[in-house]
């Protein structure tokens, strides 16, 4: 089963980053941004969050929490049940503009391994594609959302 095309992920990251930063596009290192996005996506896909079989969302939110922490963004994990964590991070604004909420889920549909031509949790790159469960669904969108959030934090720090 084919999944997210790397160029699509890069374009989504570019679109989000260009909306959130005042720095000129030439100031952004797009190769570095792409490589980080791909590595982060692969890390999330490698964490099996099949619902309801494993859940395991806490492992993913801890990974995202680490990414946010490297950008200087505080966050908190809330667990109603062990392993089923939710992450909340906030960039406090001045109140001059309306707030923006980015949200998503990180659990994925269960896997019928016989239907896959690749390991659904290996996140291998083949023919320019990242293969794995969650790359067409929310895991790629979660990684894409991190780019503008990181850029907003950098703007606040200047």
Protein backbone atom coordinates (compact mmCIF):
# COMPACT_ATOMS: atom_id res chain seq x y z
CA UNK A 1 0.00 0.00 0.00
CA UNK A 2 1.53 3.35 -1.05
CA UNK A 3 1.50 6.24 1.37
CA UNK A 4 2.39 9.90 1.59
CA UNK A 5 4.57 11.30 -1.14
CA UNK A 6 7.55 13.13 0.38
CA UNK A 7 7.12 16.08 -1.93
CA UNK A 8 3.53 16.52 -0.70
CA UNK A 9 4.78 16.56 2.87
CA UNK A 10 7.41 19.13 1.97
CA UNK A 11 4.88 21.31 0.17
CA UNK A 12 2.53 21.19 3.15
CA UNK A 13 5.42 22.13 5.43
CA UNK A 14 6.44 24.97 3.13
CA UNK A 15 2.89 26.28 2.96
CA UNK A 16 2.49 26.18 6.73
CA UNK A 17 5.88 27.72 7.39
CA UNK A 18 5.39 30.54 4.92
CA UNK A 19 2.11 31.47 6.57
CA UNK A 20 3.59 31.66 10.03
CA UNK A 21 6.92 33.41 9.65
CA UNK A 22 7.89 36.91 8.71
CA UNK A 23 11.37 35.82 7.63
CA UNK A 24 11.92 35.70 3.87
CA UNK A 25 11.71 32.25 2.29
CA UNK A 26 15.42 32.38 1.47
CA UNK A 27 16.20 32.53 5.21
CA UNK A 28 14.56 29.12 5.74
CA UNK A 29 16.74 26.05 5.19
CA UNK A 30 14.16 23.97 3.32
CA UNK A 31 16.42 20.95 2.93
CA UNK A 32 16.96 20.82 6.67
CA UNK A 33 13.23 21.36 7.31
CA UNK A 34 12.34 18.54 4.90
CA UNK A 35 14.87 16.15 6.39
CA UNK A 36 13.65 16.87 9.92
CA UNK A 37 10.01 16.43 8.87
CA UNK A 38 10.76 13.11 7.17
CA UNK A 39 12.78 11.83 10.16
CA UNK A 40 10.05 12.91 12.58
CA UNK A 41 7.34 11.28 10.44
CA UNK A 42 9.33 8.06 10.26
CA UNK A 43 9.73 8.08 14.06
CA UNK A 44 5.96 8.47 14.57
CA UNK A 45 5.05 5.80 12.03
CA UNK A 46 7.41 3.34 13.72
CA UNK A 47 5.34 3.66 16.91
CA UNK A 48 2.36 1.30 16.62
CA UNK A 49 -0.71 3.21 17.75
CA UNK A 50 -3.28 0.81 16.30
CA UNK A 51 -6.65 1.38 17.90
CA UNK A 52 -8.01 -0.46 19.78
CA UNK A 53 -5.34 -3.17 19.74
CA UNK A 54 -2.44 -1.22 21.25
CA UNK A 55 -3.46 2.38 21.71
CA UNK A 56 0.01 3.48 22.77
CA UNK A 57 -0.63 7.14 21.94
CA UNK A 58 1.53 8.21 24.88
CA UNK A 59 4.66 7.01 23.07
CA UNK A 60 3.82 9.30 20.14
CA UNK A 61 2.89 12.31 22.25
CA UNK A 62 6.15 11.95 24.18
CA UNK A 63 7.99 12.08 20.86
CA UNK A 64 6.05 15.20 19.81
CA UNK A 65 6.65 16.70 23.26
CA UNK A 66 10.39 16.28 22.69
CA UNK A 67 10.17 18.04 19.33
CA UNK A 68 8.27 20.92 20.93
CA UNK A 69 10.73 21.11 23.84
CA UNK A 70 13.64 21.54 21.39
CA UNK A 71 11.76 24.58 20.04
CA UNK A 72 11.30 25.94 23.57
CA UNK A 73 7.59 25.11 23.69
CA UNK A 74 6.22 23.75 26.94
CA UNK A 75 3.58 21.04 26.81
CA UNK A 76 1.79 18.65 29.09
CA UNK A 77 0.57 15.09 28.66
CA UNK A 78 -2.79 14.01 30.07
CA UNK A 79 -3.74 10.34 30.33
CA UNK A 80 -7.27 9.21 31.09
CA UNK A 81 -6.03 5.62 30.69
CA UNK A 82 -2.43 4.37 30.79
CA UNK A 83 -0.82 4.58 27.34
CA UNK A 84 -3.65 6.68 25.89
CA UNK A 85 -2.05 10.10 26.34
CA UNK A 86 -3.09 13.46 24.96
CA UNK A 87 -0.70 16.38 24.51
CA UNK A 88 -1.54 20.02 25.10
CA UNK A 89 0.89 22.79 24.14
CA UNK A 90 0.17 26.49 24.10
CA UNK A 91 1.88 29.52 22.66
CA UNK A 92 0.39 32.41 24.57
CA UNK A 93 -0.51 35.34 22.36
CA UNK A 94 -1.15 38.98 23.18
CA UNK A 95 -4.87 38.70 22.59
CA UNK A 96 -4.66 41.15 19.68
CA UNK A 97 -5.65 38.43 17.21
CA UNK A 98 -7.99 35.47 17.31
CA UNK A 99 -6.49 32.21 18.60
CA UNK A 100 -5.52 29.33 16.36
CA UNK A 101 -6.09 25.72 17.39
CA UNK A 102 -4.18 22.86 15.78
CA UNK A 103 -5.38 19.42 16.76
CA UNK A 104 -5.47 15.88 15.55
CA UNK A 105 -5.52 12.27 16.61
CA UNK A 106 -2.58 9.91 16.45
CA UNK A 107 -4.19 6.52 16.69
CA UNK A 108 -4.34 4.53 13.47
CA UNK A 109 -6.62 1.85 12.06
CA UNK A 110 -5.57 -1.70 12.82
CA UNK A 111 -3.33 -3.49 10.37
CA UNK A 112 -4.00 -6.58 8.29
CA UNK A 113 -0.35 -7.36 7.62
CA UNK A 114 -1.18 -9.74 4.75
CA UNK A 115 -2.60 -6.76 2.82
CA UNK A 116 0.70 -4.85 3.00
CA UNK A 117 3.65 -5.21 0.65
CA UNK A 118 5.90 -3.54 3.25
CA UNK A 119 6.10 -3.54 7.03
CA UNK A 120 3.39 -1.03 8.07
CA UNK A 121 5.53 0.24 10.94
CA UNK A 122 8.97 0.33 9.28
CA UNK A 123 8.48 3.79 7.72
CA UNK A 124 10.85 2.91 4.92
CA UNK A 125 11.37 5.30 2.02
CA UNK A 126 10.77 3.55 -1.29
CA UNK A 127 10.53 5.33 -4.65
CA UNK A 128 10.20 8.72 -2.95
CA UNK A 129 7.41 7.60 -0.64
CA UNK A 130 7.35 6.97 3.10
CA UNK A 131 5.53 3.67 3.57
CA UNK A 132 3.61 2.99 6.73
CA UNK A 133 0.43 3.20 8.73
CA UNK A 134 -0.55 6.78 9.49
CA UNK A 135 1.37 8.50 6.70
CA UNK A 136 -1.77 9.31 4.71
CA UNK A 137 -3.77 10.03 7.81
CA UNK A 138 -2.96 12.06 10.84
CA UNK A 139 0.69 11.33 11.63
CA UNK A 140 1.88 13.22 8.56
CA UNK A 141 -0.51 16.05 9.38
CA UNK A 142 0.79 16.23 12.95
CA UNK A 143 4.37 16.54 11.72
CA UNK A 144 3.31 19.15 9.16
CA UNK A 145 1.62 21.20 11.90
CA UNK A 146 4.86 21.30 13.91
CA UNK A 147 6.64 23.43 11.28
CA UNK A 148 4.49 26.56 11.66
CA UNK A 149 4.30 26.13 15.43
CA UNK A 150 8.09 26.05 15.63
CA UNK A 151 8.31 29.11 13.38
CA UNK A 152 5.77 30.99 15.50
CA UNK A 153 7.85 30.25 18.60
CA UNK A 154 11.00 31.48 16.86
CA UNK A 155 9.23 34.73 15.92
CA UNK A 156 8.17 35.22 19.53
CA UNK A 157 11.75 34.69 20.71
CA UNK A 158 13.18 37.45 18.51
